[in-house]
Amino acid sequence: MSQEKALTAFAGLMVLLSVLLTHFVHANFMWFTVFIGANLFQQSFTGFCPATLFFKHVLGLKSERELALFVE
């Protein structure tokens, strides 16, 4: 799995988790959903997301570009 695919899966999981927490625990968990959306929005412009650092350094995942270099 690439960093990009892991990031997409992680973001989707966090959105679902935040919606469940908002519904079942407390309405203020909606701010967690807002934070996730804001982070995804800034990442679309800057290309930087802190979760990608975790995927790269801790889990050792490679980017799509790095994986493509191994195929050639």
C-alpha atoms as a PDB file:
ATOM      1  CA  MET A   1       0.000   0.000   0.000  1.00  0.00           C
ATOM      2  CA  SER A   2       1.274   3.451  -0.870  1.00  0.00           C
ATOM      3  CA  GLN A   3       1.352   6.507   1.385  1.00  0.00           C
ATOM      4  CA  GLU A   4      -1.341   8.184  -0.711  1.00  0.00           C
ATOM      5  CA  LYS A   5      -3.743   5.246  -0.488  1.00  0.00           C
ATOM      6  CA  ALA A   6      -3.063   4.853   3.232  1.00  0.00           C
ATOM      7  CA  LEU A   7      -3.752   8.567   3.742  1.00  0.00           C
ATOM      8  CA  THR A   8      -7.073   8.339   1.894  1.00  0.00           C
ATOM      9  CA  ALA A   9      -8.108   5.270   3.900  1.00  0.00           C
ATOM     10  CA  PHE A  10      -7.043   6.910   7.165  1.00  0.00           C
ATOM     11  CA  ALA A  11      -8.942  10.131   6.392  1.00  0.00           C
ATOM     12  CA  GLY A  12     -12.085   8.179   5.544  1.00  0.00           C
ATOM     13  CA  LEU A  13     -11.806   6.157   8.736  1.00  0.00           C
ATOM     14  CA  MET A  14     -11.340   9.303  10.828  1.00  0.00           C
ATOM     15  CA  VAL A  15     -14.378  10.980   9.249  1.00  0.00           C
ATOM     16  CA  LEU A  16     -16.540   7.929   9.954  1.00  0.00           C
ATOM     17  CA  LEU A  17     -15.207   7.722  13.509  1.00  0.00           C
ATOM     18  CA  SER A  18     -15.885  11.401  14.136  1.00  0.00           C
ATOM     19  CA  VAL A  19     -19.449  11.101  12.844  1.00  0.00           C
ATOM     20  CA  LEU A  20     -20.067   8.095  15.096  1.00  0.00           C
ATOM     21  CA  LEU A  21     -18.615   9.931  18.101  1.00  0.00           C
ATOM     22  CA  THR A  22     -20.755  12.973  17.307  1.00  0.00           C
ATOM     23  CA  HIS A  23     -23.895  10.863  17.098  1.00  0.00           C
ATOM     24  CA  PHE A  24     -23.339   8.535  20.048  1.00  0.00           C
ATOM     25  CA  VAL A  25     -21.136  10.474  22.494  1.00  0.00           C
ATOM     26  CA  HIS A  26     -21.362  14.262  22.252  1.00  0.00           C
ATOM     27  CA  ALA A  27     -22.200  16.889  19.639  1.00  0.00           C
ATOM     28  CA  ASN A  28     -18.876  18.682  20.176  1.00  0.00           C
ATOM     29  CA  PHE A  29     -17.094  15.831  18.388  1.00  0.00           C
ATOM     30  CA  MET A  30     -18.311  17.602  15.241  1.00  0.00           C
ATOM     31  CA  TRP A  31     -15.238  19.817  15.684  1.00  0.00           C
ATOM     32  CA  PHE A  32     -13.118  16.715  15.067  1.00  0.00           C
ATOM     33  CA  THR A  33     -14.838  16.359  11.686  1.00  0.00           C
ATOM     34  CA  VAL A  34     -14.180  20.044  10.972  1.00  0.00           C
ATOM     35  CA  PHE A  35     -10.488  19.585  11.825  1.00  0.00           C
ATOM     36  CA  ILE A  36     -10.211  16.607   9.480  1.00  0.00           C
ATOM     37  CA  GLY A  37     -11.864  18.555   6.661  1.00  0.00           C
ATOM     38  CA  ALA A  38      -9.627  21.571   7.211  1.00  0.00           C
ATOM     39  CA  ASN A  39      -6.543  19.364   7.237  1.00  0.00           C
ATOM     40  CA  LEU A  40      -7.584  17.686   3.972  1.00  0.00           C
ATOM     41  CA  PHE A  41      -8.271  21.101   2.438  1.00  0.00           C
ATOM     42  CA  GLN A  42      -4.835  22.507   3.317  1.00  0.00           C
ATOM     43  CA  GLN A  43      -3.185  19.264   2.193  1.00  0.00           C
ATOM     44  CA  SER A  44      -4.735  19.638  -1.257  1.00  0.00           C
ATOM     45  CA  PHE A  45      -2.866  22.946  -1.681  1.00  0.00           C
ATOM     46  CA  THR A  46       0.393  22.288   0.157  1.00  0.00           C
ATOM     47  CA  GLY A  47       0.821  18.546  -0.376  1.00  0.00           C
ATOM     48  CA  PHE A  48       1.772  18.189   3.303  1.00  0.00           C
ATOM     49  CA  CYS A  49      -0.093  16.063   5.817  1.00  0.00           C
ATOM     50  CA  PRO A  50       1.370  15.046   9.192  1.00  0.00           C
ATOM     51  CA  ALA A  51      -0.120  11.560   8.867  1.00  0.00           C
ATOM     52  CA  THR A  52       2.079  10.953   5.816  1.00  0.00           C
ATOM     53  CA  LEU A  53       5.172  11.401   7.992  1.00  0.00           C
ATOM     54  CA  PHE A  54       3.871   8.646  10.252  1.00  0.00           C
ATOM     55  CA  PHE A  55       3.171   6.360   7.300  1.00  0.00           C
ATOM     56  CA  LYS A  56       6.632   6.976   5.882  1.00  0.00           C
ATOM     57  CA  HIS A  57       8.859   6.896   8.959  1.00  0.00           C
ATOM     58  CA  VAL A  58       7.014   4.549  11.306  1.00  0.00           C
ATOM     59  CA  LEU A  59       5.224   2.175   8.936  1.00  0.00           C
ATOM     60  CA  GLY A  60       7.795   2.393   6.148  1.00  0.00           C
ATOM     61  CA  LEU A  61       5.265   2.942   3.359  1.00  0.00           C
ATOM     62  CA  LYS A  62       6.540   4.288   0.059  1.00  0.00           C
ATOM     63  CA  SER A  63       4.904   6.945  -2.116  1.00  0.00           C
ATOM     64  CA  GLU A  64       3.304   6.126  -5.472  1.00  0.00           C
ATOM     65  CA  ARG A  65       6.321   7.734  -7.150  1.00  0.00           C
ATOM     66  CA  GLU A  66       8.795   5.607  -5.215  1.00  0.00           C
ATOM     67  CA  LEU A  67       6.824   2.457  -5.999  1.00  0.00           C
ATOM     68  CA  ALA A  68       6.731   3.353  -9.713  1.00  0.00           C
ATOM     69  CA  LEU A  69      10.524   3.660  -9.787  1.00  0.00           C
ATOM     70  CA  PHE A  70      10.871   0.042  -8.654  1.00  0.00           C
ATOM     71  CA  VAL A  71       8.622  -1.227 -11.467  1.00  0.00           C
ATOM     72  CA  GLU A  72      10.698   0.227 -14.297  1.00  0.00           C
END
